[in-house]
N, C-alpha and C. Protein backbone atom coordinates (compact mmCIF):
# COMPACT_ATOMS: atom_id res chain seq x y z
N MET A 1 115.34 7.13 73.51
CA MET A 1 114.99 6.27 74.61
C MET A 1 113.49 5.97 74.53
N ALA A 2 113.15 4.72 74.51
CA ALA A 2 111.75 4.31 74.40
C ALA A 2 111.08 4.38 75.78
N HIS A 3 109.83 4.82 75.76
CA HIS A 3 109.06 4.88 77.00
C HIS A 3 108.30 3.57 77.18
N ALA A 4 108.24 3.12 78.39
CA ALA A 4 107.47 1.91 78.69
C ALA A 4 105.98 2.22 78.53
N LEU A 5 105.26 1.27 78.04
CA LEU A 5 103.81 1.41 77.89
C LEU A 5 103.17 1.31 79.27
N MET A 6 102.35 2.29 79.60
CA MET A 6 101.65 2.27 80.88
C MET A 6 100.36 1.49 80.71
N ALA A 7 100.09 0.63 81.66
CA ALA A 7 98.89 -0.19 81.61
C ALA A 7 97.82 0.36 82.54
N THR A 8 96.59 0.19 82.13
CA THR A 8 95.44 0.45 82.99
C THR A 8 94.76 -0.89 83.23
N ILE A 9 94.69 -1.29 84.48
CA ILE A 9 94.11 -2.57 84.85
C ILE A 9 92.82 -2.26 85.61
N ALA A 10 91.72 -2.83 85.17
CA ALA A 10 90.41 -2.54 85.77
C ALA A 10 89.88 -3.77 86.50
N ILE A 11 89.34 -3.52 87.68
CA ILE A 11 88.71 -4.56 88.50
C ILE A 11 87.29 -4.09 88.80
N GLY A 12 86.33 -4.92 88.49
CA GLY A 12 84.95 -4.54 88.73
C GLY A 12 84.24 -5.46 89.69
N ASP A 13 83.24 -4.94 90.35
CA ASP A 13 82.24 -5.70 91.10
C ASP A 13 82.83 -6.69 92.10
N VAL A 14 83.50 -6.18 93.09
CA VAL A 14 84.07 -7.01 94.16
C VAL A 14 82.96 -7.58 95.04
N HIS A 15 81.93 -6.80 95.29
CA HIS A 15 80.72 -7.22 96.02
C HIS A 15 81.01 -7.98 97.31
N GLY A 16 81.83 -7.42 98.17
CA GLY A 16 82.02 -7.99 99.50
C GLY A 16 82.74 -9.32 99.54
N ASN A 17 83.46 -9.67 98.48
CA ASN A 17 84.20 -10.93 98.44
C ASN A 17 85.68 -10.63 98.65
N VAL A 18 86.08 -10.50 99.90
CA VAL A 18 87.45 -10.09 100.21
C VAL A 18 88.46 -11.17 99.84
N ARG A 19 88.08 -12.44 99.90
CA ARG A 19 89.02 -13.50 99.53
C ARG A 19 89.37 -13.42 98.05
N ALA A 20 88.38 -13.20 97.20
CA ALA A 20 88.64 -13.04 95.76
C ALA A 20 89.46 -11.78 95.50
N LEU A 21 89.15 -10.70 96.21
CA LEU A 21 89.90 -9.46 96.06
C LEU A 21 91.36 -9.67 96.45
N ASP A 22 91.61 -10.29 97.59
CA ASP A 22 92.99 -10.55 98.02
C ASP A 22 93.73 -11.44 97.02
N ASP A 23 93.04 -12.45 96.51
CA ASP A 23 93.66 -13.34 95.53
C ASP A 23 94.04 -12.58 94.27
N LEU A 24 93.15 -11.75 93.78
CA LEU A 24 93.41 -10.97 92.58
C LEU A 24 94.56 -9.99 92.81
N LEU A 25 94.57 -9.31 93.94
CA LEU A 25 95.65 -8.37 94.24
C LEU A 25 97.00 -9.09 94.36
N ALA A 26 97.00 -10.28 94.93
CA ALA A 26 98.23 -11.06 95.04
C ALA A 26 98.74 -11.46 93.65
N ARG A 27 97.85 -11.83 92.77
CA ARG A 27 98.25 -12.20 91.40
C ARG A 27 98.80 -11.01 90.63
N LEU A 28 98.25 -9.83 90.90
CA LEU A 28 98.70 -8.62 90.20
C LEU A 28 100.01 -8.07 90.76
N ALA A 29 100.31 -8.38 92.01
CA ALA A 29 101.45 -7.76 92.70
C ALA A 29 102.75 -7.85 91.92
N SER A 30 103.03 -8.97 91.30
CA SER A 30 104.29 -9.13 90.58
C SER A 30 104.22 -8.63 89.14
N LYS A 31 103.04 -8.28 88.68
CA LYS A 31 102.88 -7.88 87.28
C LYS A 31 102.67 -6.37 87.09
N ILE A 32 102.09 -5.72 88.07
CA ILE A 32 101.75 -4.31 87.93
C ILE A 32 102.98 -3.45 88.23
N LEU A 33 103.22 -2.48 87.38
CA LEU A 33 104.41 -1.64 87.49
C LEU A 33 104.08 -0.29 88.11
N ARG A 34 105.10 0.40 88.55
CA ARG A 34 104.96 1.71 89.20
C ARG A 34 104.16 2.69 88.34
N GLU A 35 104.35 2.67 87.04
CA GLU A 35 103.68 3.64 86.15
C GLU A 35 102.28 3.19 85.72
N ASP A 36 101.85 2.02 86.15
CA ASP A 36 100.53 1.50 85.81
C ASP A 36 99.45 2.10 86.73
N THR A 37 98.21 1.96 86.30
CA THR A 37 97.08 2.41 87.09
C THR A 37 96.11 1.25 87.29
N LEU A 38 95.74 1.05 88.54
CA LEU A 38 94.73 0.05 88.89
C LEU A 38 93.43 0.80 89.16
N VAL A 39 92.40 0.48 88.37
CA VAL A 39 91.11 1.16 88.48
C VAL A 39 90.08 0.17 89.01
N PHE A 40 89.49 0.53 90.15
CA PHE A 40 88.37 -0.24 90.68
C PHE A 40 87.10 0.39 90.13
N LEU A 41 86.26 -0.42 89.50
CA LEU A 41 85.10 0.08 88.76
C LEU A 41 83.83 0.21 89.60
N GLY A 42 83.93 0.04 90.90
CA GLY A 42 82.75 0.20 91.75
C GLY A 42 82.14 -1.12 92.16
N ASP A 43 81.07 -1.02 92.93
CA ASP A 43 80.36 -2.16 93.51
C ASP A 43 81.28 -2.97 94.42
N TYR A 44 81.78 -2.30 95.45
CA TYR A 44 82.65 -2.93 96.45
C TYR A 44 81.83 -3.63 97.52
N ILE A 45 80.57 -3.23 97.64
CA ILE A 45 79.71 -3.67 98.75
C ILE A 45 78.58 -4.57 98.25
N ASP A 46 77.87 -5.13 99.24
CA ASP A 46 76.65 -5.91 99.02
C ASP A 46 76.96 -7.30 98.45
N ARG A 47 76.00 -8.15 98.58
CA ARG A 47 76.02 -9.54 98.11
C ARG A 47 76.97 -10.42 98.90
N GLY A 48 78.25 -10.14 98.93
CA GLY A 48 79.21 -10.94 99.70
C GLY A 48 79.24 -10.52 101.16
N PRO A 49 79.74 -11.39 102.04
CA PRO A 49 79.64 -11.14 103.48
C PRO A 49 80.70 -10.19 104.06
N GLU A 50 81.66 -9.74 103.26
CA GLU A 50 82.77 -8.97 103.84
C GLU A 50 82.97 -7.61 103.17
N SER A 51 81.89 -6.87 103.03
CA SER A 51 81.98 -5.53 102.43
C SER A 51 82.92 -4.64 103.22
N LYS A 52 82.84 -4.69 104.54
CA LYS A 52 83.70 -3.85 105.38
C LYS A 52 85.17 -4.14 105.10
N ALA A 53 85.54 -5.39 105.01
CA ALA A 53 86.93 -5.76 104.74
C ALA A 53 87.35 -5.33 103.34
N CYS A 54 86.46 -5.45 102.36
CA CYS A 54 86.78 -5.01 100.99
C CYS A 54 87.05 -3.51 100.95
N ILE A 55 86.19 -2.74 101.60
CA ILE A 55 86.39 -1.29 101.64
C ILE A 55 87.73 -0.98 102.31
N ALA A 56 88.04 -1.64 103.41
CA ALA A 56 89.31 -1.40 104.10
C ALA A 56 90.51 -1.69 103.20
N ARG A 57 90.47 -2.82 102.47
CA ARG A 57 91.58 -3.18 101.58
C ARG A 57 91.77 -2.13 100.49
N ILE A 58 90.65 -1.76 99.87
CA ILE A 58 90.71 -0.82 98.75
C ILE A 58 91.15 0.56 99.23
N MET A 59 90.69 0.97 100.40
CA MET A 59 91.10 2.27 100.94
C MET A 59 92.58 2.27 101.31
N ASP A 60 93.09 1.15 101.78
CA ASP A 60 94.49 1.07 102.20
C ASP A 60 95.46 0.98 101.02
N LEU A 61 94.99 0.46 99.92
CA LEU A 61 95.87 0.21 98.77
C LEU A 61 96.62 1.45 98.28
N PRO A 62 95.99 2.60 98.11
CA PRO A 62 96.76 3.77 97.64
C PRO A 62 97.88 4.18 98.59
N ARG A 63 97.73 3.88 99.88
CA ARG A 63 98.77 4.23 100.86
C ARG A 63 99.96 3.29 100.77
N SER A 64 99.75 2.08 100.29
CA SER A 64 100.83 1.09 100.29
C SER A 64 101.33 0.70 98.90
N ALA A 65 100.56 0.94 97.88
CA ALA A 65 100.93 0.51 96.53
C ALA A 65 101.85 1.52 95.86
N PRO A 66 102.82 1.04 95.10
CA PRO A 66 103.70 1.97 94.37
C PRO A 66 103.07 2.48 93.07
N PHE A 67 101.93 1.96 92.69
CA PHE A 67 101.25 2.35 91.46
C PHE A 67 100.04 3.21 91.80
N ASN A 68 99.46 3.82 90.78
CA ASN A 68 98.29 4.68 90.94
C ASN A 68 97.04 3.82 91.14
N VAL A 69 96.20 4.20 92.08
CA VAL A 69 94.95 3.50 92.35
C VAL A 69 93.81 4.50 92.19
N VAL A 70 92.81 4.13 91.41
CA VAL A 70 91.64 4.97 91.16
C VAL A 70 90.42 4.17 91.58
N THR A 71 89.50 4.83 92.29
CA THR A 71 88.27 4.16 92.72
C THR A 71 87.06 4.89 92.14
N LEU A 72 86.21 4.12 91.48
CA LEU A 72 85.02 4.67 90.84
C LEU A 72 83.77 4.29 91.62
N LEU A 73 82.73 5.06 91.38
CA LEU A 73 81.43 4.85 92.02
C LEU A 73 80.63 3.80 91.26
N GLY A 74 80.16 2.81 91.98
CA GLY A 74 79.25 1.82 91.39
C GLY A 74 77.82 2.13 91.81
N ASN A 75 76.88 1.46 91.20
CA ASN A 75 75.48 1.71 91.53
C ASN A 75 75.15 1.28 92.96
N HIS A 76 75.85 0.29 93.49
CA HIS A 76 75.58 -0.12 94.87
C HIS A 76 76.01 0.97 95.86
N GLU A 77 77.16 1.58 95.62
CA GLU A 77 77.59 2.69 96.48
C GLU A 77 76.67 3.91 96.29
N GLN A 78 76.24 4.11 95.05
CA GLN A 78 75.34 5.23 94.76
C GLN A 78 74.02 5.07 95.53
N TRP A 79 73.49 3.88 95.56
CA TRP A 79 72.23 3.64 96.26
C TRP A 79 72.42 3.70 97.77
N LEU A 80 73.57 3.25 98.26
CA LEU A 80 73.88 3.40 99.68
C LEU A 80 73.91 4.88 100.06
N LEU A 81 74.55 5.70 99.23
CA LEU A 81 74.60 7.14 99.49
C LEU A 81 73.20 7.75 99.51
N GLN A 82 72.33 7.29 98.64
CA GLN A 82 70.96 7.80 98.62
C GLN A 82 70.26 7.48 99.94
N THR A 83 70.47 6.27 100.44
CA THR A 83 69.88 5.88 101.73
C THR A 83 70.51 6.70 102.86
N TYR A 84 71.79 6.94 102.79
CA TYR A 84 72.50 7.74 103.79
C TYR A 84 71.90 9.15 103.87
N ARG A 85 71.57 9.70 102.71
CA ARG A 85 71.01 11.06 102.65
C ARG A 85 69.52 11.10 103.00
N ASP A 86 68.82 9.98 102.76
CA ASP A 86 67.37 9.96 102.94
C ASP A 86 66.96 8.61 103.54
N PRO A 87 66.68 8.55 104.85
CA PRO A 87 66.34 7.27 105.50
C PRO A 87 64.99 6.70 105.10
N THR A 88 64.29 7.38 104.18
CA THR A 88 63.05 6.82 103.65
C THR A 88 63.29 6.18 102.28
N TRP A 89 64.53 6.16 101.82
CA TRP A 89 64.90 5.56 100.54
C TRP A 89 65.41 4.15 100.83
N HIS A 90 64.67 3.13 100.44
CA HIS A 90 64.99 1.76 100.84
C HIS A 90 65.43 0.87 99.69
N SER A 91 65.62 1.42 98.52
CA SER A 91 66.00 0.60 97.37
C SER A 91 67.33 -0.11 97.61
N TRP A 92 68.26 0.56 98.28
CA TRP A 92 69.55 -0.10 98.56
C TRP A 92 69.34 -1.31 99.45
N LEU A 93 68.59 -1.13 100.51
CA LEU A 93 68.37 -2.22 101.46
C LEU A 93 67.59 -3.36 100.83
N LEU A 94 66.51 -3.02 100.13
CA LEU A 94 65.59 -4.03 99.62
C LEU A 94 65.98 -4.59 98.26
N GLY A 95 66.61 -3.77 97.42
CA GLY A 95 66.89 -4.20 96.06
C GLY A 95 68.34 -4.54 95.77
N MET A 96 69.24 -4.11 96.62
CA MET A 96 70.67 -4.31 96.34
C MET A 96 71.35 -5.24 97.33
N ASP A 97 70.56 -5.90 98.17
CA ASP A 97 71.11 -6.80 99.18
C ASP A 97 71.98 -6.04 100.17
N GLY A 98 71.53 -4.85 100.55
CA GLY A 98 72.27 -4.02 101.49
C GLY A 98 72.45 -4.64 102.86
N LEU A 99 71.58 -5.58 103.23
CA LEU A 99 71.73 -6.21 104.55
C LEU A 99 73.05 -6.94 104.71
N THR A 100 73.60 -7.47 103.63
CA THR A 100 74.90 -8.14 103.76
C THR A 100 75.99 -7.13 104.12
N THR A 101 75.90 -5.93 103.58
CA THR A 101 76.85 -4.88 103.94
C THR A 101 76.64 -4.46 105.38
N ILE A 102 75.40 -4.27 105.76
CA ILE A 102 75.09 -3.88 107.14
C ILE A 102 75.61 -4.93 108.11
N ARG A 103 75.37 -6.20 107.78
CA ARG A 103 75.81 -7.30 108.64
C ARG A 103 77.33 -7.34 108.77
N SER A 104 78.06 -6.94 107.73
CA SER A 104 79.53 -6.98 107.81
C SER A 104 80.07 -5.96 108.81
N ASP A 105 79.29 -4.92 109.11
CA ASP A 105 79.68 -3.95 110.13
C ASP A 105 79.02 -4.24 111.47
N SER A 106 77.78 -4.75 111.45
CA SER A 106 77.07 -4.98 112.71
C SER A 106 75.93 -5.96 112.51
N ALA A 107 76.07 -7.14 113.09
CA ALA A 107 74.98 -8.13 113.02
C ALA A 107 73.76 -7.60 113.77
N GLU A 108 73.99 -6.87 114.85
CA GLU A 108 72.87 -6.32 115.62
C GLU A 108 72.07 -5.32 114.80
N ALA A 109 72.77 -4.44 114.07
CA ALA A 109 72.07 -3.47 113.21
C ALA A 109 71.30 -4.18 112.12
N ALA A 110 71.89 -5.22 111.53
CA ALA A 110 71.20 -5.98 110.48
C ALA A 110 69.94 -6.64 111.03
N ASP A 111 70.05 -7.21 112.22
CA ASP A 111 68.88 -7.85 112.83
C ASP A 111 67.80 -6.82 113.16
N ALA A 112 68.19 -5.67 113.67
CA ALA A 112 67.22 -4.62 114.02
C ALA A 112 66.53 -4.06 112.77
N LEU A 113 67.28 -3.86 111.70
CA LEU A 113 66.67 -3.36 110.46
C LEU A 113 65.76 -4.41 109.84
N THR A 114 66.15 -5.67 109.91
CA THR A 114 65.29 -6.75 109.42
C THR A 114 63.99 -6.78 110.21
N ALA A 115 64.09 -6.64 111.52
CA ALA A 115 62.89 -6.63 112.36
C ALA A 115 62.00 -5.43 112.03
N ALA A 116 62.60 -4.28 111.79
CA ALA A 116 61.82 -3.08 111.44
C ALA A 116 61.10 -3.26 110.12
N VAL A 117 61.77 -3.85 109.14
CA VAL A 117 61.15 -4.11 107.84
C VAL A 117 60.00 -5.10 108.01
N ASP A 118 60.23 -6.15 108.78
CA ASP A 118 59.18 -7.15 109.02
C ASP A 118 57.97 -6.52 109.72
N GLN A 119 58.21 -5.66 110.68
CA GLN A 119 57.13 -5.04 111.44
C GLN A 119 56.33 -4.05 110.59
N LEU A 120 57.03 -3.24 109.80
CA LEU A 120 56.36 -2.18 109.03
C LEU A 120 55.83 -2.67 107.68
N GLY A 121 56.43 -3.73 107.15
CA GLY A 121 55.99 -4.29 105.89
C GLY A 121 56.05 -3.30 104.73
N PHE A 122 55.08 -3.43 103.83
CA PHE A 122 55.06 -2.62 102.61
C PHE A 122 54.90 -1.13 102.90
N ARG A 123 54.45 -0.80 104.10
CA ARG A 123 54.26 0.62 104.44
C ARG A 123 55.56 1.42 104.36
N ILE A 124 56.70 0.76 104.54
CA ILE A 124 57.96 1.52 104.47
C ILE A 124 58.14 2.16 103.10
N VAL A 125 57.62 1.50 102.06
CA VAL A 125 57.69 2.04 100.70
C VAL A 125 56.48 2.92 100.43
N GLN A 126 55.31 2.38 100.69
CA GLN A 126 54.05 3.08 100.39
C GLN A 126 53.97 4.43 101.12
N ASP A 127 54.30 4.46 102.40
CA ASP A 127 54.19 5.68 103.21
C ASP A 127 55.53 6.39 103.39
N ARG A 128 56.56 5.88 102.71
CA ARG A 128 57.92 6.47 102.80
C ARG A 128 58.35 6.65 104.26
N LEU A 129 58.28 5.55 104.99
CA LEU A 129 58.66 5.57 106.41
C LEU A 129 60.17 5.42 106.55
N ALA A 130 60.73 6.12 107.47
CA ALA A 130 62.16 6.03 107.75
C ALA A 130 62.45 4.75 108.52
N LEU A 131 63.60 4.18 108.24
CA LEU A 131 64.09 3.05 109.02
C LEU A 131 65.28 3.54 109.86
N PRO A 132 65.59 2.82 110.93
CA PRO A 132 66.69 3.27 111.81
C PRO A 132 68.07 2.92 111.25
N TYR A 133 68.40 3.49 110.09
CA TYR A 133 69.70 3.23 109.47
C TYR A 133 70.86 3.71 110.34
N GLU A 134 70.58 4.62 111.27
CA GLU A 134 71.64 5.11 112.14
C GLU A 134 72.25 3.97 112.97
N LEU A 135 71.49 2.91 113.20
CA LEU A 135 72.03 1.75 113.91
C LEU A 135 73.21 1.15 113.15
N PHE A 136 73.13 1.19 111.83
CA PHE A 136 74.24 0.74 110.97
C PHE A 136 75.30 1.83 110.85
N LEU A 137 74.87 3.03 110.52
CA LEU A 137 75.80 4.12 110.24
C LEU A 137 76.67 4.46 111.44
N ASP A 138 76.13 4.30 112.65
CA ASP A 138 76.91 4.56 113.85
C ASP A 138 78.02 3.53 114.08
N CYS A 139 77.90 2.37 113.43
CA CYS A 139 78.91 1.31 113.56
C CYS A 139 80.00 1.39 112.49
N VAL A 140 79.75 2.14 111.45
CA VAL A 140 80.68 2.22 110.32
C VAL A 140 81.81 3.19 110.67
N PRO A 141 83.06 2.78 110.46
CA PRO A 141 84.17 3.71 110.70
C PRO A 141 83.99 4.98 109.86
N THR A 142 84.33 6.11 110.43
CA THR A 142 84.14 7.41 109.77
C THR A 142 84.75 7.43 108.39
N GLU A 143 85.97 6.91 108.25
CA GLU A 143 86.62 6.94 106.94
C GLU A 143 85.88 6.07 105.92
N HIS A 144 85.20 5.03 106.39
CA HIS A 144 84.40 4.20 105.48
C HIS A 144 83.15 4.94 105.02
N LEU A 145 82.62 5.81 105.87
CA LEU A 145 81.46 6.62 105.47
C LEU A 145 81.88 7.68 104.45
N LYS A 146 83.09 8.18 104.58
CA LYS A 146 83.59 9.20 103.64
C LYS A 146 83.99 8.59 102.30
N PHE A 147 84.37 7.33 102.29
CA PHE A 147 84.87 6.68 101.07
C PHE A 147 83.92 6.80 99.88
N PRO A 148 82.63 6.44 100.00
CA PRO A 148 81.76 6.54 98.82
C PRO A 148 81.63 7.97 98.29
N LEU A 149 81.76 8.95 99.18
CA LEU A 149 81.68 10.35 98.76
C LEU A 149 82.89 10.77 97.93
N SER A 150 83.99 10.04 98.05
CA SER A 150 85.22 10.40 97.34
C SER A 150 85.34 9.73 95.97
N LEU A 151 84.42 8.85 95.64
CA LEU A 151 84.54 8.06 94.42
C LEU A 151 84.26 8.88 93.17
N LYS A 152 85.05 8.63 92.14
CA LYS A 152 84.88 9.31 90.84
C LYS A 152 83.84 8.57 90.01
N THR A 153 83.26 9.26 89.03
CA THR A 153 82.29 8.60 88.16
C THR A 153 82.94 7.98 86.93
N TYR A 154 84.15 8.43 86.58
CA TYR A 154 84.86 7.84 85.45
C TYR A 154 86.35 8.12 85.60
N TRP A 155 87.14 7.37 84.83
CA TRP A 155 88.59 7.59 84.74
C TRP A 155 88.96 7.48 83.28
N ARG A 156 89.66 8.46 82.80
CA ARG A 156 90.01 8.49 81.38
C ARG A 156 91.52 8.48 81.21
N THR A 157 91.97 7.66 80.27
CA THR A 157 93.38 7.65 79.87
C THR A 157 93.41 8.04 78.39
N ALA A 158 94.60 8.07 77.83
CA ALA A 158 94.73 8.38 76.40
C ALA A 158 94.06 7.31 75.54
N ASP A 159 93.96 6.10 76.08
CA ASP A 159 93.46 4.97 75.28
C ASP A 159 92.10 4.41 75.71
N ALA A 160 91.63 4.81 76.86
CA ALA A 160 90.42 4.17 77.37
C ALA A 160 89.67 5.10 78.32
N ILE A 161 88.42 4.77 78.51
CA ILE A 161 87.64 5.40 79.56
C ILE A 161 87.06 4.28 80.41
N CYS A 162 87.20 4.43 81.70
CA CYS A 162 86.69 3.43 82.64
C CYS A 162 85.48 4.01 83.34
N VAL A 163 84.39 3.25 83.36
CA VAL A 163 83.16 3.62 84.05
C VAL A 163 82.60 2.36 84.69
N HIS A 164 81.63 2.55 85.57
CA HIS A 164 81.04 1.37 86.19
C HIS A 164 80.05 0.66 85.28
N GLY A 165 79.07 1.38 84.80
CA GLY A 165 77.97 0.72 84.12
C GLY A 165 77.86 1.00 82.64
N GLY A 166 78.81 1.69 82.06
CA GLY A 166 78.75 1.97 80.64
C GLY A 166 78.41 3.42 80.37
N LEU A 167 78.47 3.76 79.12
CA LEU A 167 78.14 5.10 78.65
C LEU A 167 76.81 5.04 77.92
N ASP A 168 76.07 6.09 78.01
CA ASP A 168 74.76 6.16 77.36
C ASP A 168 74.96 6.54 75.90
N PRO A 169 74.66 5.63 74.96
CA PRO A 169 74.86 5.95 73.54
C PRO A 169 73.96 7.09 73.06
N ALA A 170 72.88 7.37 73.77
CA ALA A 170 71.99 8.45 73.37
C ALA A 170 72.62 9.82 73.60
N VAL A 171 73.66 9.87 74.44
CA VAL A 171 74.31 11.15 74.73
C VAL A 171 75.14 11.62 73.54
N GLY A 172 75.65 10.70 72.77
CA GLY A 172 76.43 11.08 71.59
C GLY A 172 77.91 10.99 71.86
N ALA A 173 78.65 11.97 71.40
CA ALA A 173 80.10 11.96 71.49
C ALA A 173 80.56 11.81 72.94
N LEU A 174 81.67 11.12 73.11
CA LEU A 174 82.22 10.87 74.43
C LEU A 174 82.46 12.17 75.20
N GLU A 175 82.95 13.17 74.54
CA GLU A 175 83.25 14.44 75.22
C GLU A 175 81.98 15.08 75.78
N VAL A 176 80.87 14.94 75.07
CA VAL A 176 79.60 15.47 75.57
C VAL A 176 79.19 14.71 76.82
N HIS A 177 79.34 13.40 76.78
CA HIS A 177 78.97 12.58 77.93
C HIS A 177 79.82 12.97 79.15
N LEU A 178 81.11 13.15 78.96
CA LEU A 178 81.99 13.47 80.07
C LEU A 178 81.67 14.84 80.66
N ARG A 179 81.26 15.78 79.85
CA ARG A 179 80.88 17.10 80.38
C ARG A 179 79.62 17.01 81.22
N SER A 180 78.77 16.01 80.96
CA SER A 180 77.50 15.91 81.69
C SER A 180 77.65 15.15 83.01
N THR A 181 78.82 14.60 83.29
CA THR A 181 79.00 13.87 84.55
C THR A 181 79.67 14.69 85.59
């Protein structure tokens, strides 16, 4: 008896575009089989206006899909986590377009953080001043706050390894790299 070939389907960089995500999932619905794995490669947030909706869709998928769903950590989620842990870390907000994610949960929080950045200026970086990120974090559903903490750094199958940003060729053999993550 021949075994069916299991497929690994990877989706990367959704970036708050829930319409594109829904369209892609609808196209896959009739093609993806029970034994297949759908791997999200990270970067679910920022840039697009509907990060909250994208997170909700991706979080709900394992509960409703008959196939395996794997979610990986992207650099945007990694930088959000850094800000979550340290309110003086502003690279996510300033460099990753974090305001679009904040706005998808609370326009008021986005406006307040924008005003704080405007008022404090470069001092927020130079003097490592904290911003009131709690205005955003208090609006985020608890399960959405837990989601980035649950993300894997890689997914490996017999035929492939899935990561967000690539493997470092300086590390050498794949097995060495995987032990270091």
